[in-house]
Amino acid sequence: MHAILSSLIDVVLLALEIYWYVILASVIMSWLVTFGVINTYNATVRTIMDVIYRLTEPALRPIRRVLPDFGAVDLSPIALWLIIYFAISVLTKFKYAI
């Protein structure tokens, strides 16, 4: 039973780590679009941006509602990274406690 639970925690940890990088990609893409480095008229770029948006927006939207508005600065990815870091820390400690 412990092996199954440990494996399940490993899968969740891996998913959280991958999601951390997806959020990083979202932040970088938004900077590149803001500074005009990438062209949003390109279909491939639009598709990548749409996929990243669909992956990150459901988690970022509730955080944006809670955080105060800082104008052009969006702190919701940082808040989500902190939540993910906390979840990874708790799951890792739980994994080694069983």
PDB file of N, CA and C in Angstrom:
ATOM      1  N   MET A   1       0.821  -1.195   0.000  1.00  0.00           N
ATOM      2  CA  MET A   1       0.000   0.000   0.000  1.00  0.00           C
ATOM      3  C   MET A   1       0.866   1.262   0.000  1.00  0.00           C
ATOM      4  N   HIS A   2       1.959   1.217   0.752  1.00  0.00           N
ATOM      5  CA  HIS A   2       2.837   2.386   0.816  1.00  0.00           C
ATOM      6  C   HIS A   2       3.499   2.657  -0.527  1.00  0.00           C
ATOM      7  N   ALA A   3       3.797   1.601  -1.265  1.00  0.00           N
ATOM      8  CA  ALA A   3       4.433   1.784  -2.570  1.00  0.00           C
ATOM      9  C   ALA A   3       3.481   2.465  -3.553  1.00  0.00           C
ATOM     10  N   ILE A   4       2.218   2.101  -3.496  1.00  0.00           N
ATOM     11  CA  ILE A   4       1.230   2.717  -4.387  1.00  0.00           C
ATOM     12  C   ILE A   4       1.044   4.184  -4.037  1.00  0.00           C
ATOM     13  N   LEU A   5       0.943   4.478  -2.745  1.00  0.00           N
ATOM     14  CA  LEU A   5       0.776   5.862  -2.315  1.00  0.00           C
ATOM     15  C   LEU A   5       2.004   6.694  -2.654  1.00  0.00           C
ATOM     16  N   SER A   6       3.175   6.110  -2.468  1.00  0.00           N
ATOM     17  CA  SER A   6       4.411   6.806  -2.805  1.00  0.00           C
ATOM     18  C   SER A   6       4.496   7.084  -4.307  1.00  0.00           C
ATOM     19  N   SER A   7       4.102   6.132  -5.115  1.00  0.00           N
ATOM     20  CA  SER A   7       4.104   6.322  -6.565  1.00  0.00           C
ATOM     21  C   SER A   7       3.102   7.389  -6.989  1.00  0.00           C
ATOM     22  N   LEU A   8       1.950   7.395  -6.354  1.00  0.00           N
ATOM     23  CA  LEU A   8       0.933   8.401  -6.653  1.00  0.00           C
ATOM     24  C   LEU A   8       1.438   9.802  -6.292  1.00  0.00           C
ATOM     25  N   ILE A   9       2.099   9.916  -5.159  1.00  0.00           N
ATOM     26  CA  ILE A   9       2.667  11.204  -4.759  1.00  0.00           C
ATOM     27  C   ILE A   9       3.747  11.630  -5.746  1.00  0.00           C
ATOM     28  N   ASP A  10       4.557  10.677  -6.230  1.00  0.00           N
ATOM     29  CA  ASP A  10       5.578  10.994  -7.230  1.00  0.00           C
ATOM     30  C   ASP A  10       4.960  11.560  -8.507  1.00  0.00           C
ATOM     31  N   VAL A  11       3.844  10.991  -8.938  1.00  0.00           N
ATOM     32  CA  VAL A  11       3.166  11.464 -10.149  1.00  0.00           C
ATOM     33  C   VAL A  11       2.630  12.881  -9.937  1.00  0.00           C
ATOM     34  N   VAL A  12       2.047  13.125  -8.774  1.00  0.00           N
ATOM     35  CA  VAL A  12       1.518  14.456  -8.477  1.00  0.00           C
ATOM     36  C   VAL A  12       2.661  15.470  -8.399  1.00  0.00           C
ATOM     37  N   LEU A  13       3.774  15.088  -7.782  1.00  0.00           N
ATOM     38  CA  LEU A  13       4.934  15.975  -7.710  1.00  0.00           C
ATOM     39  C   LEU A  13       5.467  16.305  -9.099  1.00  0.00           C
ATOM     40  N   LEU A  14       5.538  15.307  -9.960  1.00  0.00           N
ATOM     41  CA  LEU A  14       6.001  15.539 -11.325  1.00  0.00           C
ATOM     42  C   LEU A  14       5.050  16.479 -12.069  1.00  0.00           C
ATOM     43  N   ALA A  15       3.755  16.271 -11.901  1.00  0.00           N
ATOM     44  CA  ALA A  15       2.774  17.149 -12.556  1.00  0.00           C
ATOM     45  C   ALA A  15       2.896  18.585 -12.053  1.00  0.00           C
ATOM     46  N   LEU A  16       3.115  18.762 -10.763  1.00  0.00           N
ATOM     47  CA  LEU A  16       3.275  20.108 -10.215  1.00  0.00           C
ATOM     48  C   LEU A  16       4.543  20.783 -10.742  1.00  0.00           C
ATOM     49  N   GLU A  17       5.617  20.011 -10.861  1.00  0.00           N
ATOM     50  CA  GLU A  17       6.858  20.577 -11.393  1.00  0.00           C
ATOM     51  C   GLU A  17       6.717  20.959 -12.866  1.00  0.00           C
ATOM     52  N   ILE A  18       6.043  20.129 -13.637  1.00  0.00           N
ATOM     53  CA  ILE A  18       5.794  20.470 -15.042  1.00  0.00           C
ATOM     54  C   ILE A  18       4.914  21.711 -15.141  1.00  0.00           C
ATOM     55  N   TYR A  19       3.897  21.797 -14.293  1.00  0.00           N
ATOM     56  CA  TYR A  19       3.002  22.954 -14.310  1.00  0.00           C
ATOM     57  C   TYR A  19       3.754  24.226 -13.934  1.00  0.00           C
ATOM     58  N   TRP A  20       4.741  24.115 -13.054  1.00  0.00           N
ATOM     59  CA  TRP A  20       5.574  25.261 -12.690  1.00  0.00           C
ATOM     60  C   TRP A  20       6.244  25.822 -13.940  1.00  0.00           C
ATOM     61  N   TYR A  21       6.764  24.942 -14.796  1.00  0.00           N
ATOM     62  CA  TYR A  21       7.410  25.386 -16.028  1.00  0.00           C
ATOM     63  C   TYR A  21       6.416  25.936 -17.044  1.00  0.00           C
ATOM     64  N   VAL A  22       5.196  25.418 -17.045  1.00  0.00           N
ATOM     65  CA  VAL A  22       4.165  25.959 -17.941  1.00  0.00           C
ATOM     66  C   VAL A  22       3.835  27.400 -17.534  1.00  0.00           C
ATOM     67  N   ILE A  23       3.776  27.649 -16.233  1.00  0.00           N
ATOM     68  CA  ILE A  23       3.541  29.014 -15.760  1.00  0.00           C
ATOM     69  C   ILE A  23       4.701  29.911 -16.159  1.00  0.00           C
ATOM     70  N   LEU A  24       5.926  29.418 -16.049  1.00  0.00           N
ATOM     71  CA  LEU A  24       7.101  30.181 -16.474  1.00  0.00           C
ATOM     72  C   LEU A  24       7.016  30.506 -17.966  1.00  0.00           C
ATOM     73  N   ALA A  25       6.610  29.540 -18.765  1.00  0.00           N
ATOM     74  CA  ALA A  25       6.451  29.780 -20.201  1.00  0.00           C
ATOM     75  C   ALA A  25       5.389  30.837 -20.455  1.00  0.00           C
ATOM     76  N   SER A  26       4.329  30.829 -19.669  1.00  0.00           N
ATOM     77  CA  SER A  26       3.282  31.831 -19.814  1.00  0.00           C
ATOM     78  C   SER A  26       3.809  33.228 -19.523  1.00  0.00           C
ATOM     79  N   VAL A  27       4.601  33.354 -18.469  1.00  0.00           N
ATOM     80  CA  VAL A  27       5.167  34.660 -18.116  1.00  0.00           C
ATOM     81  C   VAL A  27       6.107  35.142 -19.215  1.00  0.00           C
ATOM     82  N   ILE A  28       6.973  34.261 -19.687  1.00  0.00           N
ATOM     83  CA  ILE A  28       7.926  34.637 -20.731  1.00  0.00           C
ATOM     84  C   ILE A  28       7.200  35.010 -22.016  1.00  0.00           C
ATOM     85  N   MET A  29       6.179  34.236 -22.388  1.00  0.00           N
ATOM     86  CA  MET A  29       5.413  34.554 -23.599  1.00  0.00           C
ATOM     87  C   MET A  29       4.736  35.919 -23.481  1.00  0.00           C
ATOM     88  N   SER A  30       4.195  36.220 -22.311  1.00  0.00           N
ATOM     89  CA  SER A  30       3.533  37.514 -22.157  1.00  0.00           C
ATOM     90  C   SER A  30       4.540  38.651 -22.268  1.00  0.00           C
ATOM     91  N   TRP A  31       5.743  38.471 -21.739  1.00  0.00           N
ATOM     92  CA  TRP A  31       6.786  39.494 -21.888  1.00  0.00           C
ATOM     93  C   TRP A  31       7.180  39.659 -23.354  1.00  0.00           C
ATOM     94  N   LEU A  32       7.345  38.537 -24.061  1.00  0.00           N
ATOM     95  CA  LEU A  32       7.754  38.608 -25.461  1.00  0.00           C
ATOM     96  C   LEU A  32       6.694  39.291 -26.316  1.00  0.00           C
ATOM     97  N   VAL A  33       5.436  39.052 -26.008  1.00  0.00           N
ATOM     98  CA  VAL A  33       4.360  39.717 -26.746  1.00  0.00           C
ATOM     99  C   VAL A  33       4.328  41.203 -26.398  1.00  0.00           C
ATOM    100  N   THR A  34       4.477  41.520 -25.115  1.00  0.00           N
ATOM    101  CA  THR A  34       4.440  42.911 -24.680  1.00  0.00           C
ATOM    102  C   THR A  34       5.538  43.740 -25.325  1.00  0.00           C
ATOM    103  N   PHE A  35       6.732  43.180 -25.423  1.00  0.00           N
ATOM    104  CA  PHE A  35       7.856  43.914 -25.994  1.00  0.00           C
ATOM    105  C   PHE A  35       7.984  43.748 -27.502  1.00  0.00           C
ATOM    106  N   GLY A  36       7.025  43.079 -28.130  1.00  0.00           N
ATOM    107  CA  GLY A  36       6.996  42.965 -29.576  1.00  0.00           C
ATOM    108  C   GLY A  36       8.064  42.058 -30.166  1.00  0.00           C
ATOM    109  N   VAL A  37       8.551  41.120 -29.375  1.00  0.00           N
ATOM    110  CA  VAL A  37       9.593  40.213 -29.863  1.00  0.00           C
ATOM    111  C   VAL A  37       8.988  39.122 -30.741  1.00  0.00           C
ATOM    112  N   ILE A  38       7.805  38.654 -30.365  1.00  0.00           N
ATOM    113  CA  ILE A  38       7.146  37.633 -31.179  1.00  0.00           C
ATOM    114  C   ILE A  38       5.886  38.226 -31.796  1.00  0.00           C
ATOM    115  N   ASN A  39       5.527  37.692 -32.935  1.00  0.00           N
ATOM    116  CA  ASN A  39       4.404  38.180 -33.710  1.00  0.00           C
ATOM    117  C   ASN A  39       3.171  37.338 -33.400  1.00  0.00           C
ATOM    118  N   THR A  40       2.140  37.947 -32.852  1.00  0.00           N
ATOM    119  CA  THR A  40       0.928  37.205 -32.508  1.00  0.00           C
ATOM    120  C   THR A  40       0.061  36.895 -33.718  1.00  0.00           C
ATOM    121  N   TYR A  41       0.416  37.431 -34.881  1.00  0.00           N
ATOM    122  CA  TYR A  41      -0.332  37.113 -36.101  1.00  0.00           C
ATOM    123  C   TYR A  41       0.074  35.765 -36.676  1.00  0.00           C
ATOM    124  N   ASN A  42       1.193  35.223 -36.216  1.00  0.00           N
ATOM    125  CA  ASN A  42       1.660  33.908 -36.653  1.00  0.00           C
ATOM    126  C   ASN A  42       0.749  32.840 -36.041  1.00  0.00           C
ATOM    127  N   ALA A  43       0.271  31.922 -36.869  1.00  0.00           N
ATOM    128  CA  ALA A  43      -0.668  30.895 -36.401  1.00  0.00           C
ATOM    129  C   ALA A  43      -0.036  29.965 -35.372  1.00  0.00           C
ATOM    130  N   THR A  44       1.216  29.623 -35.545  1.00  0.00           N
ATOM    131  CA  THR A  44       1.891  28.739 -34.594  1.00  0.00           C
ATOM    132  C   THR A  44       2.027  29.415 -33.233  1.00  0.00           C
ATOM    133  N   VAL A  45       2.414  30.666 -33.239  1.00  0.00           N
ATOM    134  CA  VAL A  45       2.553  31.415 -31.989  1.00  0.00           C
ATOM    135  C   VAL A  45       1.202  31.539 -31.311  1.00  0.00           C
ATOM    136  N   ARG A  46       0.155  31.828 -32.079  1.00  0.00           N
ATOM    137  CA  ARG A  46      -1.196  31.923 -31.513  1.00  0.00           C
ATOM    138  C   ARG A  46      -1.632  30.603 -30.897  1.00  0.00           C
ATOM    139  N   THR A  47      -1.318  29.499 -31.557  1.00  0.00           N
ATOM    140  CA  THR A  47      -1.698  28.188 -31.036  1.00  0.00           C
ATOM    141  C   THR A  47      -0.977  27.892 -29.728  1.00  0.00           C
ATOM    142  N   ILE A  48       0.327  28.159 -29.688  1.00  0.00           N
ATOM    143  CA  ILE A  48       1.101  27.928 -28.461  1.00  0.00           C
ATOM    144  C   ILE A  48       0.571  28.810 -27.336  1.00  0.00           C
ATOM    145  N   MET A  49       0.302  30.066 -27.643  1.00  0.00           N
ATOM    146  CA  MET A  49      -0.222  30.970 -26.625  1.00  0.00           C
ATOM    147  C   MET A  49      -1.595  30.526 -26.134  1.00  0.00           C
ATOM    148  N   ASP A  50      -2.423  30.023 -27.024  1.00  0.00           N
ATOM    149  CA  ASP A  50      -3.748  29.547 -26.637  1.00  0.00           C
ATOM    150  C   ASP A  50      -3.649  28.335 -25.712  1.00  0.00           C
ATOM    151  N   VAL A  51      -2.757  27.412 -26.027  1.00  0.00           N
ATOM    152  CA  VAL A  51      -2.577  26.226 -25.188  1.00  0.00           C
ATOM    153  C   VAL A  51      -2.080  26.636 -23.799  1.00  0.00           C
ATOM    154  N   ILE A  52      -1.082  27.500 -23.759  1.00  0.00           N
ATOM    155  CA  ILE A  52      -0.551  27.946 -22.472  1.00  0.00           C
ATOM    156  C   ILE A  52      -1.619  28.709 -21.685  1.00  0.00           C
ATOM    157  N   TYR A  53      -2.395  29.550 -22.357  1.00  0.00           N
ATOM    158  CA  TYR A  53      -3.465  30.293 -21.703  1.00  0.00           C
ATOM    159  C   TYR A  53      -4.498  29.347 -21.109  1.00  0.00           C
ATOM    160  N   ARG A  54      -4.900  28.336 -21.879  1.00  0.00           N
ATOM    161  CA  ARG A  54      -5.904  27.387 -21.392  1.00  0.00           C
ATOM    162  C   ARG A  54      -5.389  26.546 -20.227  1.00  0.00           C
ATOM    163  N   LEU A  55      -4.089  26.327 -20.171  1.00  0.00           N
ATOM    164  CA  LEU A  55      -3.511  25.561 -19.068  1.00  0.00           C
ATOM    165  C   LEU A  55      -3.349  26.394 -17.802  1.00  0.00           C
ATOM    166  N   THR A  56      -3.035  27.661 -17.947  1.00  0.00           N
ATOM    167  CA  THR A  56      -2.724  28.466 -16.769  1.00  0.00           C
ATOM    168  C   THR A  56      -3.883  29.318 -16.262  1.00  0.00           C
ATOM    169  N   GLU A  57      -4.735  29.753 -17.124  1.00  0.00           N
ATOM    170  CA  GLU A  57      -5.781  30.700 -16.727  1.00  0.00           C
ATOM    171  C   GLU A  57      -6.741  30.156 -15.664  1.00  0.00           C
ATOM    172  N   PRO A  58      -7.150  28.885 -15.703  1.00  0.00           N
ATOM    173  CA  PRO A  58      -8.043  28.403 -14.631  1.00  0.00           C
ATOM    174  C   PRO A  58      -7.425  28.489 -13.238  1.00  0.00           C
ATOM    175  N   ALA A  59      -6.114  28.398 -13.130  1.00  0.00           N
ATOM    176  CA  ALA A  59      -5.468  28.517 -11.820  1.00  0.00           C
ATOM    177  C   ALA A  59      -5.155  29.965 -11.471  1.00  0.00           C
ATOM    178  N   LEU A  60      -4.873  30.791 -12.476  1.00  0.00           N
ATOM    179  CA  LEU A  60      -4.496  32.178 -12.215  1.00  0.00           C
ATOM    180  C   LEU A  60      -5.700  33.093 -11.980  1.00  0.00           C
ATOM    181  N   ARG A  61      -6.822  32.794 -12.594  1.00  0.00           N
ATOM    182  CA  ARG A  61      -7.999  33.663 -12.494  1.00  0.00           C
ATOM    183  C   ARG A  61      -8.466  33.870 -11.050  1.00  0.00           C
ATOM    184  N   PRO A  62      -8.603  32.802 -10.238  1.00  0.00           N
ATOM    185  CA  PRO A  62      -9.031  33.035  -8.847  1.00  0.00           C
ATOM    186  C   PRO A  62      -8.010  33.840  -8.039  1.00  0.00           C
ATOM    187  N   ILE A  63      -6.742  33.654  -8.339  1.00  0.00           N
ATOM    188  CA  ILE A  63      -5.703  34.407  -7.633  1.00  0.00           C
ATOM    189  C   ILE A  63      -5.775  35.877  -8.014  1.00  0.00           C
ATOM    190  N   ARG A  64      -6.044  36.164  -9.279  1.00  0.00           N
ATOM    191  CA  ARG A  64      -6.159  37.560  -9.739  1.00  0.00           C
ATOM    192  C   ARG A  64      -7.342  38.262  -9.080  1.00  0.00           C
ATOM    193  N   ARG A  65      -8.410  37.510  -8.793  1.00  0.00           N
ATOM    194  CA  ARG A  65      -9.566  38.109  -8.137  1.00  0.00           C
ATOM    195  C   ARG A  65      -9.251  38.516  -6.701  1.00  0.00           C
ATOM    196  N   VAL A  66      -8.358  37.757  -6.048  1.00  0.00           N
ATOM    197  CA  VAL A  66      -8.027  38.020  -4.650  1.00  0.00           C
ATOM    198  C   VAL A  66      -6.957  39.100  -4.511  1.00  0.00           C
ATOM    199  N   LEU A  67      -5.939  39.067  -5.382  1.00  0.00           N
ATOM    200  CA  LEU A  67      -4.846  40.026  -5.289  1.00  0.00           C
ATOM    201  C   LEU A  67      -5.306  41.425  -5.705  1.00  0.00           C
ATOM    202  N   PRO A  68      -4.746  42.444  -5.075  1.00  0.00           N
ATOM    203  CA  PRO A  68      -5.082  43.817  -5.513  1.00  0.00           C
ATOM    204  C   PRO A  68      -4.488  44.106  -6.887  1.00  0.00           C
ATOM    205  N   ASP A  69      -5.063  45.086  -7.572  1.00  0.00           N
ATOM    206  CA  ASP A  69      -4.606  45.456  -8.907  1.00  0.00           C
ATOM    207  C   ASP A  69      -3.357  46.324  -8.796  1.00  0.00           C
ATOM    208  N   PHE A  70      -2.271  45.875  -9.413  1.00  0.00           N
ATOM    209  CA  PHE A  70      -1.022  46.622  -9.419  1.00  0.00           C
ATOM    210  C   PHE A  70      -0.753  47.262 -10.774  1.00  0.00           C
ATOM    211  N   GLY A  71      -1.770  47.478 -11.549  1.00  0.00           N
ATOM    212  CA  GLY A  71      -1.609  48.083 -12.867  1.00  0.00           C
ATOM    213  C   GLY A  71      -1.096  47.072 -13.868  1.00  0.00           C
ATOM    214  N   ALA A  72       0.018  47.384 -14.492  1.00  0.00           N
ATOM    215  CA  ALA A  72       0.568  46.523 -15.544  1.00  0.00           C
ATOM    216  C   ALA A  72       1.316  45.312 -14.991  1.00  0.00           C
ATOM    217  N   VAL A  73       1.586  45.297 -13.689  1.00  0.00           N
ATOM    218  CA  VAL A  73       2.340  44.200 -13.091  1.00  0.00           C
ATOM    219  C   VAL A  73       1.366  43.130 -12.604  1.00  0.00           C
ATOM    220  N   ASP A  74       1.536  41.909 -13.094  1.00  0.00           N
ATOM    221  CA  ASP A  74       0.687  40.789 -12.709  1.00  0.00           C
ATOM    222  C   ASP A  74       1.482  39.888 -11.759  1.00  0.00           C
ATOM    223  N   LEU A  75       1.078  39.865 -10.504  1.00  0.00           N
ATOM    224  CA  LEU A  75       1.773  39.066  -9.501  1.00  0.00           C
ATOM    225  C   LEU A  75       1.137  37.697  -9.281  1.00  0.00           C
ATOM    226  N   SER A  76       0.088  37.395 -10.010  1.00  0.00           N
ATOM    227  CA  SER A  76      -0.589  36.115  -9.807  1.00  0.00           C
ATOM    228  C   SER A  76       0.300  34.907 -10.123  1.00  0.00           C
ATOM    229  N   PRO A  77       1.175  34.934 -11.147  1.00  0.00           N
ATOM    230  CA  PRO A  77       2.060  33.774 -11.340  1.00  0.00           C
ATOM    231  C   PRO A  77       2.997  33.538 -10.157  1.00  0.00           C
ATOM    232  N   ILE A  78       3.467  34.613  -9.530  1.00  0.00           N
ATOM    233  CA  ILE A  78       4.344  34.452  -8.370  1.00  0.00           C
ATOM    234  C   ILE A  78       3.571  33.816  -7.221  1.00  0.00           C
ATOM    235  N   ALA A  79       2.339  34.263  -7.013  1.00  0.00           N
ATOM    236  CA  ALA A  79       1.513  33.673  -5.963  1.00  0.00           C
ATOM    237  C   ALA A  79       1.249  32.195  -6.246  1.00  0.00           C
ATOM    238  N   LEU A  80       0.989  31.864  -7.499  1.00  0.00           N
ATOM    239  CA  LEU A  80       0.750  30.462  -7.855  1.00  0.00           C
ATOM    240  C   LEU A  80       2.014  29.634  -7.680  1.00  0.00           C
ATOM    241  N   TRP A  81       3.188  30.208  -8.025  1.00  0.00           N
ATOM    242  CA  TRP A  81       4.448  29.491  -7.799  1.00  0.00           C
ATOM    243  C   TRP A  81       4.641  29.204  -6.311  1.00  0.00           C
ATOM    244  N   LEU A  82       4.297  30.153  -5.454  1.00  0.00           N
ATOM    245  CA  LEU A  82       4.421  29.933  -4.013  1.00  0.00           C
ATOM    246  C   LEU A  82       3.478  28.833  -3.538  1.00  0.00           C
ATOM    247  N   ILE A  83       2.269  28.813  -4.067  1.00  0.00           N
ATOM    248  CA  ILE A  83       1.309  27.763  -3.713  1.00  0.00           C
ATOM    249  C   ILE A  83       1.827  26.402  -4.172  1.00  0.00           C
ATOM    250  N   ILE A  84       2.356  26.340  -5.393  1.00  0.00           N
ATOM    251  CA  ILE A  84       2.897  25.079  -5.910  1.00  0.00           C
ATOM    252  C   ILE A  84       4.101  24.647  -5.082  1.00  0.00           C
ATOM    253  N   TYR A  85       4.971  25.579  -4.740  1.00  0.00           N
ATOM    254  CA  TYR A  85       6.147  25.252  -3.923  1.00  0.00           C
ATOM    255  C   TYR A  85       5.717  24.697  -2.571  1.00  0.00           C
ATOM    256  N   PHE A  86       4.702  25.308  -1.963  1.00  0.00           N
ATOM    257  CA  PHE A  86       4.184  24.815  -0.688  1.00  0.00           C
ATOM    258  C   PHE A  86       3.607  23.407  -0.838  1.00  0.00           C
ATOM    259  N   ALA A  87       2.847  23.177  -1.903  1.00  0.00           N
ATOM    260  CA  ALA A  87       2.261  21.848  -2.131  1.00  0.00           C
ATOM    261  C   ALA A  87       3.347  20.802  -2.352  1.00  0.00           C
ATOM    262  N   ILE A  88       4.376  21.150  -3.115  1.00  0.00           N
ATOM    263  CA  ILE A  88       5.480  20.213  -3.340  1.00  0.00           C
ATOM    264  C   ILE A  88       6.183  19.908  -2.027  1.00  0.00           C
ATOM    265  N   SER A  89       6.392  20.912  -1.209  1.00  0.00           N
ATOM    266  CA  SER A  89       7.057  20.718   0.073  1.00  0.00           C
ATOM    267  C   SER A  89       6.246  19.806   0.993  1.00  0.00           C
ATOM    268  N   VAL A  90       4.949  20.050   1.064  1.00  0.00           N
ATOM    269  CA  VAL A  90       4.089  19.234   1.921  1.00  0.00           C
ATOM    270  C   VAL A  90       4.037  17.795   1.415  1.00  0.00           C
ATOM    271  N   LEU A  91       3.873  17.616   0.117  1.00  0.00           N
ATOM    272  CA  LEU A  91       3.804  16.265  -0.437  1.00  0.00           C
ATOM    273  C   LEU A  91       5.121  15.517  -0.265  1.00  0.00           C
ATOM    274  N   THR A  92       6.237  16.201  -0.412  1.00  0.00           N
ATOM    275  CA  THR A  92       7.532  15.553  -0.239  1.00  0.00           C
ATOM    276  C   THR A  92       7.723  15.106   1.207  1.00  0.00           C
ATOM    277  N   LYS A  93       7.354  15.951   2.156  1.00  0.00           N
ATOM    278  CA  LYS A  93       7.474  15.571   3.570  1.00  0.00           C
ATOM    279  C   LYS A  93       6.525  14.426   3.893  1.00  0.00           C
ATOM    280  N   PHE A  94       5.325  14.464   3.337  1.00  0.00           N
ATOM    281  CA  PHE A  94       4.369  13.384   3.568  1.00  0.00           C
ATOM    282  C   PHE A  94       4.876  12.071   2.968  1.00  0.00           C
ATOM    283  N   LYS A  95       5.487  12.150   1.804  1.00  0.00           N
ATOM    284  CA  LYS A  95       5.992  10.951   1.134  1.00  0.00           C
ATOM    285  C   LYS A  95       7.048  10.259   1.984  1.00  0.00           C
ATOM    286  N   TYR A  96       7.944  11.033   2.568  1.00  0.00           N
ATOM    287  CA  TYR A  96       9.012  10.435   3.367  1.00  0.00           C
ATOM    288  C   TYR A  96       8.575  10.097   4.776  1.00  0.00           C
ATOM    289  N   ALA A  97       7.397  10.569   5.184  1.00  0.00           N
ATOM    290  CA  ALA A  97       6.886  10.242   6.516  1.00  0.00           C
ATOM    291  C   ALA A  97       6.173   8.887   6.513  1.00  0.00           C
ATOM    292  N   ILE A  98       5.717   8.450   5.342  1.00  0.00           N
ATOM    293  CA  ILE A  98       4.997   7.161   5.301  1.00  0.00           C
ATOM    294  C   ILE A  98       5.953   6.004   5.176  1.00  0.00           C
TER     295      ILE A  98
END
